[in-house]
Amino acid sequence: MLLSAGAVLSLVSVTLVVLYGQSRILYTMGRHGMLPNAFRRVSPRSGTPAFATLLTGGFVALLAAVFPSNLLPDLTSMGTLAAFAVVPLGVMILRRTAPGLDRGFRVPGYPVVPVLSILACGYLMYELPLDTYLLFGGRLALALAVYLLYSRKHSRLEEAAEPAGEQALA
């Protein structure tokens, strides 16, 4: 009984953290023009991205109603592990392609730690069931479609990265 209660509480806490994080990611993407302006609006009463929070919560509720309960934690783990593998890969790529870039911190044990991180995440992802891979692939395809059909045309990230003089030339 105690273990079951702990499992339920852990699922609830992980779900809340994912909802909180995802709504803030959607808000930031909206602020940068990668998603429609509705995602960047905040509630005047609470100061939170209400639209992004409600949409995320509704989507997760729909997934929870449709898919078996053991699949969603696996899908969450797959997404988290993929992100945790991409970050050290990005660090290694940036070390080669932009060696003079100003960095706020140094990676300890470089390049061993990033390589071990990628391998550890890869091993944990390897242990996940096939249906998790299929749904994760669908999620990636959906993200790619949003990027190609909307974000690429509306993103304001390059404008912010260009010096003021170059914007006038473009």
Foldseek 3Di string as FASTA:
>chain_A
DVVVVVVVVVVVVVLVVCLQVQLVVQLVCCVQQLDPVLSVDADPVPRGSVVSSVVSVVVVVVCPVPDDPVLVVLLVLLVVLVVQLVVLVVVVVCCPPPVPDDDPDDDPPPPVVSVVSNVVSVVVNVPGDPVSVVVNVVVVVVVVCSCVVTRVVGGCVVVVVDDPVVVVVD
